[in-house]
C-alpha cells in the first residue's frame, strides 16, 4: 500500500515548528544593489513575506519566494488562493499597513492563522523570528484579508 502524504497536517506542523525558538532561516536575503551586497530583509526586520512565501513554496502552494507582501499575495492568487471571510486554521492573514520603524514607510504584514485566536508571523519589530501572537495583536491591528486554498480543505 502506497503511503499518503498528509499535506495539511505537514503544512500546519511546519508553520508551528517555525515559531519554536530562534529560527534563523528567514532573516537574511542578499541582493546586489548599486554594486553592493544588501540584506533586503534587514536581519529579520522585513522578513514576514519571506517566511510566509517560503512555507507556501515548500508545500507547493505558490510559484516562488517573495520579499514583499504584495508579491506574495499576487503569486498566491495566481496559484489558486482566494479570499474568505472566516478564520480557518492554516489560512494566510494580511494585516493593515503600519509605518515601519526604520524607514518610516507603510508596510503590510502577513502570517498564518493557526486556531484558538492565535497567529504565527515574523516578529519584525522584536526578535526578527517567527512567533505566536493574538491574531489581531490584541485588537491593535486590523486584518485586511484572509486567504484560503482548496488544498487545505479537509
N, C-alpha and C. Protein backbone atom coordinates (compact mmCIF):
# COMPACT_ATOMS: atom_id res chain seq x y z
N UNK A 1 0.84 -1.18 0.00
CA UNK A 1 0.00 0.00 0.00
C UNK A 1 0.89 1.24 0.00
N UNK A 2 0.62 2.16 -0.89
CA UNK A 2 1.41 3.37 -1.04
C UNK A 2 1.08 4.36 0.09
N UNK A 3 2.12 4.92 0.74
CA UNK A 3 1.86 5.92 1.79
C UNK A 3 1.21 7.18 1.20
N UNK A 4 0.35 7.81 1.99
CA UNK A 4 -0.34 9.03 1.57
C UNK A 4 0.19 10.21 2.37
N UNK A 5 0.69 11.20 1.66
CA UNK A 5 1.20 12.41 2.31
C UNK A 5 0.04 13.18 2.94
N UNK A 6 0.17 13.50 4.21
CA UNK A 6 -0.85 14.28 4.93
C UNK A 6 -0.50 15.75 4.79
N UNK A 7 -0.88 16.33 3.65
CA UNK A 7 -0.45 17.67 3.26
C UNK A 7 -0.80 18.74 4.30
N UNK A 8 -2.05 18.81 4.72
CA UNK A 8 -2.45 19.85 5.67
C UNK A 8 -1.75 19.67 7.02
N UNK A 9 -1.67 18.44 7.49
CA UNK A 9 -1.01 18.16 8.78
C UNK A 9 0.47 18.60 8.73
N UNK A 10 1.15 18.30 7.63
CA UNK A 10 2.55 18.69 7.48
C UNK A 10 2.69 20.20 7.36
N UNK A 11 1.80 20.83 6.60
CA UNK A 11 1.79 22.29 6.43
C UNK A 11 1.64 22.99 7.78
N UNK A 12 0.65 22.56 8.57
CA UNK A 12 0.43 23.18 9.88
C UNK A 12 1.59 22.92 10.83
N UNK A 13 2.17 21.74 10.77
CA UNK A 13 3.33 21.43 11.61
C UNK A 13 4.52 22.31 11.25
N UNK A 14 4.73 22.54 9.96
CA UNK A 14 5.83 23.39 9.51
C UNK A 14 5.66 24.82 10.03
N UNK A 15 4.43 25.33 9.96
CA UNK A 15 4.15 26.68 10.46
C UNK A 15 4.44 26.75 11.96
N UNK A 16 3.89 25.82 12.72
CA UNK A 16 4.09 25.84 14.18
C UNK A 16 5.55 25.63 14.56
N UNK A 17 6.24 24.73 13.88
CA UNK A 17 7.64 24.47 14.18
C UNK A 17 8.53 25.68 13.91
N UNK A 18 8.13 26.51 12.94
CA UNK A 18 8.92 27.71 12.62
C UNK A 18 8.97 28.68 13.80
N UNK A 19 7.98 28.61 14.68
CA UNK A 19 7.90 29.55 15.81
C UNK A 19 8.41 28.95 17.11
N UNK A 20 9.12 27.85 17.04
CA UNK A 20 9.66 27.22 18.25
C UNK A 20 11.11 27.65 18.45
N UNK A 21 11.29 28.76 19.10
CA UNK A 21 12.64 29.23 19.37
C UNK A 21 13.20 30.09 18.26
N UNK A 22 14.50 30.22 18.24
CA UNK A 22 15.17 31.08 17.27
C UNK A 22 15.28 30.37 15.93
N UNK A 23 14.51 30.84 14.97
CA UNK A 23 14.55 30.27 13.62
C UNK A 23 15.21 31.30 12.70
N UNK A 24 16.45 31.04 12.36
CA UNK A 24 17.26 32.00 11.60
C UNK A 24 17.07 31.89 10.09
N UNK A 25 16.25 30.95 9.61
CA UNK A 25 16.13 30.71 8.17
C UNK A 25 15.65 31.91 7.37
N UNK A 26 14.80 32.74 7.94
CA UNK A 26 14.12 33.79 7.18
C UNK A 26 14.67 35.19 7.42
N UNK A 27 15.83 35.31 8.06
CA UNK A 27 16.34 36.61 8.48
C UNK A 27 17.07 37.39 7.40
N UNK A 28 17.69 36.71 6.46
CA UNK A 28 18.57 37.39 5.52
C UNK A 28 18.34 36.91 4.09
N UNK A 29 18.38 37.86 3.16
CA UNK A 29 18.35 37.56 1.73
C UNK A 29 19.11 38.69 1.04
N UNK A 30 20.18 38.33 0.34
CA UNK A 30 21.09 39.33 -0.21
C UNK A 30 20.87 39.54 -1.71
N UNK A 31 20.86 40.80 -2.08
CA UNK A 31 20.81 41.21 -3.48
C UNK A 31 21.99 42.14 -3.73
N UNK A 32 22.48 42.16 -4.95
CA UNK A 32 23.45 43.17 -5.32
C UNK A 32 22.68 44.39 -5.81
N UNK A 33 22.87 45.50 -5.13
CA UNK A 33 22.21 46.76 -5.47
C UNK A 33 23.28 47.84 -5.55
N UNK A 34 23.38 48.47 -6.71
CA UNK A 34 24.40 49.50 -6.94
C UNK A 34 25.80 49.00 -6.60
N UNK A 35 26.06 47.74 -6.98
CA UNK A 35 27.38 47.16 -6.78
C UNK A 35 27.68 46.70 -5.37
N UNK A 36 26.70 46.75 -4.45
CA UNK A 36 26.92 46.33 -3.06
C UNK A 36 25.95 45.22 -2.68
N UNK A 37 26.40 44.30 -1.85
CA UNK A 37 25.53 43.26 -1.31
C UNK A 37 24.65 43.86 -0.23
N UNK A 38 23.34 43.77 -0.40
CA UNK A 38 22.40 44.37 0.53
C UNK A 38 21.45 43.29 1.05
N UNK A 39 21.30 43.22 2.38
CA UNK A 39 20.35 42.32 3.01
C UNK A 39 18.97 42.99 2.95
N UNK A 40 18.14 42.61 1.99
CA UNK A 40 16.85 43.26 1.80
C UNK A 40 15.85 42.91 2.91
N UNK A 41 16.14 41.88 3.70
CA UNK A 41 15.27 41.52 4.82
C UNK A 41 15.68 42.19 6.12
N UNK A 42 16.76 42.92 6.08
CA UNK A 42 17.26 43.70 7.23
C UNK A 42 17.33 42.87 8.51
N UNK A 43 17.98 41.71 8.40
CA UNK A 43 18.23 40.83 9.54
C UNK A 43 16.95 40.46 10.29
N UNK A 44 15.87 40.21 9.52
CA UNK A 44 14.60 39.80 10.11
C UNK A 44 13.59 40.91 10.27
N UNK A 45 14.01 42.16 10.08
CA UNK A 45 13.10 43.29 10.24
C UNK A 45 12.05 43.40 9.15
N UNK A 46 12.31 42.79 7.99
CA UNK A 46 11.37 42.82 6.87
C UNK A 46 11.14 41.41 6.31
N UNK A 47 11.02 40.43 7.20
CA UNK A 47 11.01 39.03 6.76
C UNK A 47 9.65 38.36 6.71
N UNK A 48 8.56 39.08 6.97
CA UNK A 48 7.26 38.39 7.05
C UNK A 48 6.89 37.72 5.74
N UNK A 49 7.04 38.40 4.61
CA UNK A 49 6.66 37.81 3.32
C UNK A 49 7.58 36.65 2.96
N UNK A 50 8.84 36.73 3.31
CA UNK A 50 9.76 35.63 3.04
C UNK A 50 9.36 34.40 3.85
N UNK A 51 9.00 34.60 5.11
CA UNK A 51 8.55 33.50 5.96
C UNK A 51 7.31 32.84 5.37
N UNK A 52 6.29 33.62 5.06
CA UNK A 52 5.04 33.08 4.53
C UNK A 52 5.27 32.41 3.18
N UNK A 53 5.94 33.11 2.28
CA UNK A 53 6.12 32.54 0.94
C UNK A 53 7.01 31.29 0.96
N UNK A 54 7.97 31.21 1.87
CA UNK A 54 8.82 30.02 1.97
C UNK A 54 7.99 28.80 2.39
N UNK A 55 7.13 28.97 3.38
CA UNK A 55 6.27 27.87 3.82
C UNK A 55 5.36 27.44 2.66
N UNK A 56 4.75 28.42 1.99
CA UNK A 56 3.86 28.09 0.88
C UNK A 56 4.62 27.44 -0.27
N UNK A 57 5.80 27.93 -0.58
CA UNK A 57 6.62 27.39 -1.66
C UNK A 57 7.05 25.95 -1.36
N UNK A 58 7.49 25.71 -0.14
CA UNK A 58 7.92 24.36 0.24
C UNK A 58 6.77 23.36 0.18
N UNK A 59 5.55 23.86 0.34
CA UNK A 59 4.37 22.99 0.26
C UNK A 59 3.72 23.02 -1.12
N UNK A 60 4.43 23.57 -2.10
CA UNK A 60 3.99 23.62 -3.50
C UNK A 60 2.64 24.31 -3.64
N UNK A 61 2.47 25.43 -2.91
CA UNK A 61 1.20 26.15 -2.94
C UNK A 61 1.34 27.54 -3.56
N UNK A 62 2.55 27.92 -3.96
CA UNK A 62 2.82 29.12 -4.76
C UNK A 62 4.00 28.82 -5.67
N UNK A 63 4.28 29.76 -6.58
CA UNK A 63 5.30 29.54 -7.59
C UNK A 63 6.71 29.92 -7.21
N UNK A 64 6.88 30.83 -6.23
CA UNK A 64 8.23 31.31 -5.93
C UNK A 64 8.28 31.93 -4.54
N UNK A 65 9.47 32.32 -4.12
CA UNK A 65 9.68 33.05 -2.87
C UNK A 65 9.48 34.54 -3.11
N UNK A 66 9.12 35.27 -2.05
CA UNK A 66 8.86 36.70 -2.18
C UNK A 66 9.38 37.48 -0.98
N UNK A 67 9.78 38.72 -1.24
CA UNK A 67 10.25 39.60 -0.17
C UNK A 67 9.23 40.66 0.20
N UNK A 68 8.12 40.73 -0.52
CA UNK A 68 7.07 41.70 -0.19
C UNK A 68 5.73 40.99 -0.06
N UNK A 69 4.87 41.56 0.78
CA UNK A 69 3.53 41.01 0.96
C UNK A 69 2.76 41.09 -0.35
N UNK A 70 2.90 42.19 -1.08
CA UNK A 70 2.19 42.35 -2.35
C UNK A 70 2.61 41.28 -3.35
N UNK A 71 3.90 41.02 -3.45
CA UNK A 71 4.38 39.98 -4.36
C UNK A 71 3.89 38.60 -3.95
N UNK A 72 3.89 38.32 -2.65
CA UNK A 72 3.39 37.03 -2.17
C UNK A 72 1.90 36.89 -2.46
N UNK A 73 1.14 37.95 -2.20
CA UNK A 73 -0.31 37.92 -2.48
C UNK A 73 -0.60 37.68 -3.96
N UNK A 74 0.10 38.37 -4.84
CA UNK A 74 -0.09 38.20 -6.27
C UNK A 74 0.14 36.75 -6.69
N UNK A 75 1.24 36.16 -6.19
CA UNK A 75 1.57 34.77 -6.50
C UNK A 75 0.51 33.83 -5.92
N UNK A 76 0.06 34.12 -4.69
CA UNK A 76 -0.97 33.28 -4.07
C UNK A 76 -2.24 33.25 -4.93
N UNK A 77 -2.68 34.40 -5.38
CA UNK A 77 -3.90 34.48 -6.19
C UNK A 77 -3.72 33.70 -7.49
N UNK A 78 -2.56 33.86 -8.13
CA UNK A 78 -2.27 33.12 -9.36
C UNK A 78 -2.21 31.61 -9.12
N UNK A 79 -1.91 31.23 -7.88
CA UNK A 79 -1.76 29.81 -7.52
C UNK A 79 -3.01 29.21 -6.88
N UNK A 80 -4.12 29.92 -6.97
CA UNK A 80 -5.39 29.35 -6.51
C UNK A 80 -5.85 29.76 -5.14
N UNK A 81 -5.14 30.65 -4.46
CA UNK A 81 -5.59 31.15 -3.16
C UNK A 81 -6.72 32.15 -3.40
N UNK A 82 -7.68 32.21 -2.49
CA UNK A 82 -8.81 33.12 -2.62
C UNK A 82 -9.21 33.66 -1.25
N UNK A 83 -9.83 34.84 -1.25
CA UNK A 83 -10.24 35.49 -0.01
C UNK A 83 -11.45 34.80 0.57
N UNK A 84 -11.44 34.65 1.90
CA UNK A 84 -12.58 34.11 2.63
C UNK A 84 -12.91 35.07 3.77
N UNK A 85 -14.05 34.87 4.40
CA UNK A 85 -14.49 35.75 5.50
C UNK A 85 -14.17 35.18 6.87
N UNK A 86 -14.13 33.87 7.00
CA UNK A 86 -13.98 33.24 8.31
C UNK A 86 -12.54 32.76 8.53
N UNK A 87 -12.15 32.77 9.79
CA UNK A 87 -10.82 32.28 10.14
C UNK A 87 -10.80 30.76 10.13
N UNK A 88 -9.77 30.21 9.53
CA UNK A 88 -9.58 28.76 9.49
C UNK A 88 -8.12 28.47 9.78
N UNK A 89 -7.87 27.40 10.48
CA UNK A 89 -6.51 27.01 10.79
C UNK A 89 -5.75 26.74 9.49
N UNK A 90 -4.66 27.46 9.29
CA UNK A 90 -3.85 27.35 8.08
C UNK A 90 -4.04 28.50 7.11
N UNK A 91 -5.05 29.35 7.35
CA UNK A 91 -5.29 30.50 6.47
C UNK A 91 -4.12 31.49 6.56
N UNK A 92 -3.88 32.17 5.46
CA UNK A 92 -2.88 33.24 5.43
C UNK A 92 -3.60 34.55 5.74
N UNK A 93 -3.07 35.31 6.69
CA UNK A 93 -3.63 36.60 7.07
C UNK A 93 -2.77 37.72 6.52
N UNK A 94 -3.44 38.79 6.10
CA UNK A 94 -2.74 40.02 5.72
C UNK A 94 -3.31 41.12 6.60
N UNK A 95 -2.42 41.74 7.37
CA UNK A 95 -2.83 42.82 8.26
C UNK A 95 -2.68 44.18 7.58
N UNK A 96 -3.33 45.17 8.15
CA UNK A 96 -3.29 46.54 7.62
C UNK A 96 -1.86 47.08 7.62
N UNK A 97 -1.66 48.10 6.82
CA UNK A 97 -0.35 48.74 6.75
C UNK A 97 -0.06 49.50 8.03
N UNK A 98 1.22 49.49 8.41
CA UNK A 98 1.73 50.27 9.53
C UNK A 98 3.02 50.93 9.08
N UNK A 99 3.35 52.04 9.71
CA UNK A 99 4.60 52.74 9.40
C UNK A 99 5.76 51.95 9.98
N UNK A 100 6.77 51.69 9.13
CA UNK A 100 7.95 50.95 9.57
C UNK A 100 8.83 51.78 10.49
N UNK A 101 9.46 51.10 11.43
CA UNK A 101 10.34 51.78 12.39
C UNK A 101 11.57 52.37 11.73
N UNK A 102 12.19 51.61 10.83
CA UNK A 102 13.48 52.02 10.27
C UNK A 102 13.35 53.02 9.13
N UNK A 103 12.33 52.81 8.25
CA UNK A 103 12.27 53.64 7.06
C UNK A 103 11.11 54.64 7.05
N UNK A 104 10.20 54.54 8.01
CA UNK A 104 9.07 55.46 8.07
C UNK A 104 8.04 55.27 6.98
N UNK A 105 8.14 54.16 6.22
CA UNK A 105 7.20 53.86 5.14
C UNK A 105 6.14 52.86 5.60
N UNK A 106 4.94 52.92 5.03
CA UNK A 106 3.90 51.96 5.41
C UNK A 106 4.20 50.57 4.85
N UNK A 107 4.01 49.55 5.68
CA UNK A 107 4.24 48.16 5.29
C UNK A 107 3.04 47.32 5.68
N UNK A 108 2.64 46.40 4.78
CA UNK A 108 1.69 45.36 5.15
C UNK A 108 2.44 44.32 5.96
N UNK A 109 1.70 43.42 6.55
CA UNK A 109 2.28 42.33 7.32
C UNK A 109 1.45 41.09 7.03
N UNK A 110 2.09 39.93 6.92
CA UNK A 110 1.34 38.70 6.72
C UNK A 110 1.84 37.60 7.62
N UNK A 111 1.00 36.59 7.77
CA UNK A 111 1.32 35.45 8.63
C UNK A 111 0.24 34.40 8.48
N UNK A 112 0.19 33.48 9.42
CA UNK A 112 -0.73 32.35 9.36
C UNK A 112 -1.63 32.32 10.59
N UNK A 113 -2.90 32.01 10.38
CA UNK A 113 -3.81 31.75 11.49
C UNK A 113 -3.71 30.27 11.82
N UNK A 114 -3.52 29.93 13.12
CA UNK A 114 -3.38 28.52 13.50
C UNK A 114 -4.49 28.02 14.41
N UNK A 115 -5.46 28.87 14.72
CA UNK A 115 -6.58 28.46 15.56
C UNK A 115 -6.51 29.05 16.95
N UNK A 116 -7.62 28.98 17.67
CA UNK A 116 -7.70 29.45 19.06
C UNK A 116 -7.23 30.89 19.22
N UNK A 117 -7.58 31.75 18.26
CA UNK A 117 -7.23 33.18 18.28
C UNK A 117 -5.73 33.44 18.19
N UNK A 118 -4.97 32.49 17.69
CA UNK A 118 -3.50 32.61 17.60
C UNK A 118 -3.06 32.64 16.14
N UNK A 119 -2.11 33.50 15.87
CA UNK A 119 -1.45 33.57 14.56
C UNK A 119 0.05 33.40 14.76
N UNK A 120 0.72 33.05 13.68
CA UNK A 120 2.19 33.00 13.67
C UNK A 120 2.64 33.87 12.51
N UNK A 121 3.51 34.82 12.83
CA UNK A 121 4.10 35.69 11.81
C UNK A 121 5.51 36.05 12.26
N UNK A 122 6.25 36.67 11.36
CA UNK A 122 7.60 37.08 11.73
C UNK A 122 7.53 38.30 12.64
N UNK A 123 8.29 38.27 13.71
CA UNK A 123 8.32 39.37 14.68
C UNK A 123 9.26 40.46 14.17
N UNK A 124 8.76 41.25 13.25
CA UNK A 124 9.59 42.24 12.58
C UNK A 124 10.08 43.35 13.51
N UNK A 125 9.31 43.70 14.51
CA UNK A 125 9.69 44.79 15.40
C UNK A 125 10.46 44.32 16.63
N UNK A 126 10.54 43.02 16.82
CA UNK A 126 11.20 42.49 18.01
C UNK A 126 12.40 41.63 17.66
N UNK A 127 12.20 40.32 17.79
CA UNK A 127 13.31 39.38 17.65
C UNK A 127 13.76 39.14 16.22
N UNK A 128 12.87 39.37 15.24
CA UNK A 128 13.18 39.03 13.85
C UNK A 128 12.93 37.57 13.54
N UNK A 129 12.30 36.84 14.47
CA UNK A 129 11.99 35.42 14.30
C UNK A 129 10.48 35.22 14.23
N UNK A 130 10.01 34.15 13.57
CA UNK A 130 8.59 33.83 13.62
C UNK A 130 8.16 33.59 15.08
N UNK A 131 6.96 34.08 15.41
CA UNK A 131 6.47 33.93 16.79
C UNK A 131 4.94 33.82 16.80
N UNK A 132 4.42 33.27 17.90
CA UNK A 132 2.97 33.17 18.10
C UNK A 132 2.48 34.45 18.77
N UNK A 133 1.26 34.87 18.39
CA UNK A 133 0.66 36.06 18.99
C UNK A 133 -0.84 36.04 18.74
N UNK A 134 -1.57 36.91 19.43
CA UNK A 134 -3.00 37.04 19.18
C UNK A 134 -3.20 37.46 17.73
N UNK A 135 -4.21 36.92 17.06
CA UNK A 135 -4.37 37.14 15.62
C UNK A 135 -4.67 38.58 15.23
N UNK A 136 -5.12 39.42 16.17
CA UNK A 136 -5.29 40.86 15.88
C UNK A 136 -4.33 41.70 16.73
N UNK A 137 -3.29 41.07 17.22
CA UNK A 137 -2.36 41.76 18.12
C UNK A 137 -3.15 42.42 19.25
N UNK A 138 -4.05 41.62 19.86
CA UNK A 138 -4.91 42.10 20.95
C UNK A 138 -5.72 43.32 20.53
N UNK A 139 -6.36 43.22 19.38
CA UNK A 139 -7.24 44.26 18.83
C UNK A 139 -6.52 45.57 18.51
N UNK A 140 -5.24 45.48 18.16
CA UNK A 140 -4.50 46.70 17.79
C UNK A 140 -4.13 46.74 16.30
N UNK A 141 -4.40 45.66 15.57
CA UNK A 141 -4.09 45.65 14.13
C UNK A 141 -5.18 44.90 13.38
N UNK A 142 -5.78 45.59 12.43
CA UNK A 142 -6.90 45.05 11.67
C UNK A 142 -6.41 44.08 10.60
N UNK A 143 -7.16 42.99 10.44
CA UNK A 143 -6.89 42.05 9.35
C UNK A 143 -7.57 42.58 8.10
N UNK A 144 -6.80 42.74 7.02
CA UNK A 144 -7.37 43.21 5.76
C UNK A 144 -7.90 42.06 4.91
N UNK A 145 -7.18 40.92 4.92
CA UNK A 145 -7.59 39.79 4.08
C UNK A 145 -7.26 38.48 4.78
N UNK A 146 -8.11 37.50 4.50
CA UNK A 146 -7.90 36.12 4.93
C UNK A 146 -7.90 35.28 3.66
N UNK A 147 -6.82 34.54 3.43
CA UNK A 147 -6.70 33.73 2.21
C UNK A 147 -6.76 32.23 2.54
N UNK A 148 -7.36 31.49 1.61
CA UNK A 148 -7.51 30.04 1.76
C UNK A 148 -7.21 29.36 0.43
N UNK A 149 -6.77 28.11 0.51
CA UNK A 149 -6.52 27.31 -0.69
C UNK A 149 -7.26 25.99 -0.55
N UNK A 150 -7.82 25.51 -1.65
CA UNK A 150 -8.60 24.27 -1.62
C UNK A 150 -7.78 23.07 -1.17
N UNK A 151 -6.46 23.10 -1.32
CA UNK A 151 -5.62 22.00 -0.86
C UNK A 151 -5.67 21.84 0.66
N UNK A 152 -6.16 22.86 1.36
CA UNK A 152 -6.25 22.79 2.81
C UNK A 152 -7.60 22.29 3.30
N UNK A 153 -8.53 22.06 2.35
CA UNK A 153 -9.83 21.53 2.73
C UNK A 153 -9.64 20.11 3.30
N UNK A 154 -10.36 19.85 4.34
CA UNK A 154 -10.24 18.51 4.97
C UNK A 154 -10.95 17.44 4.16
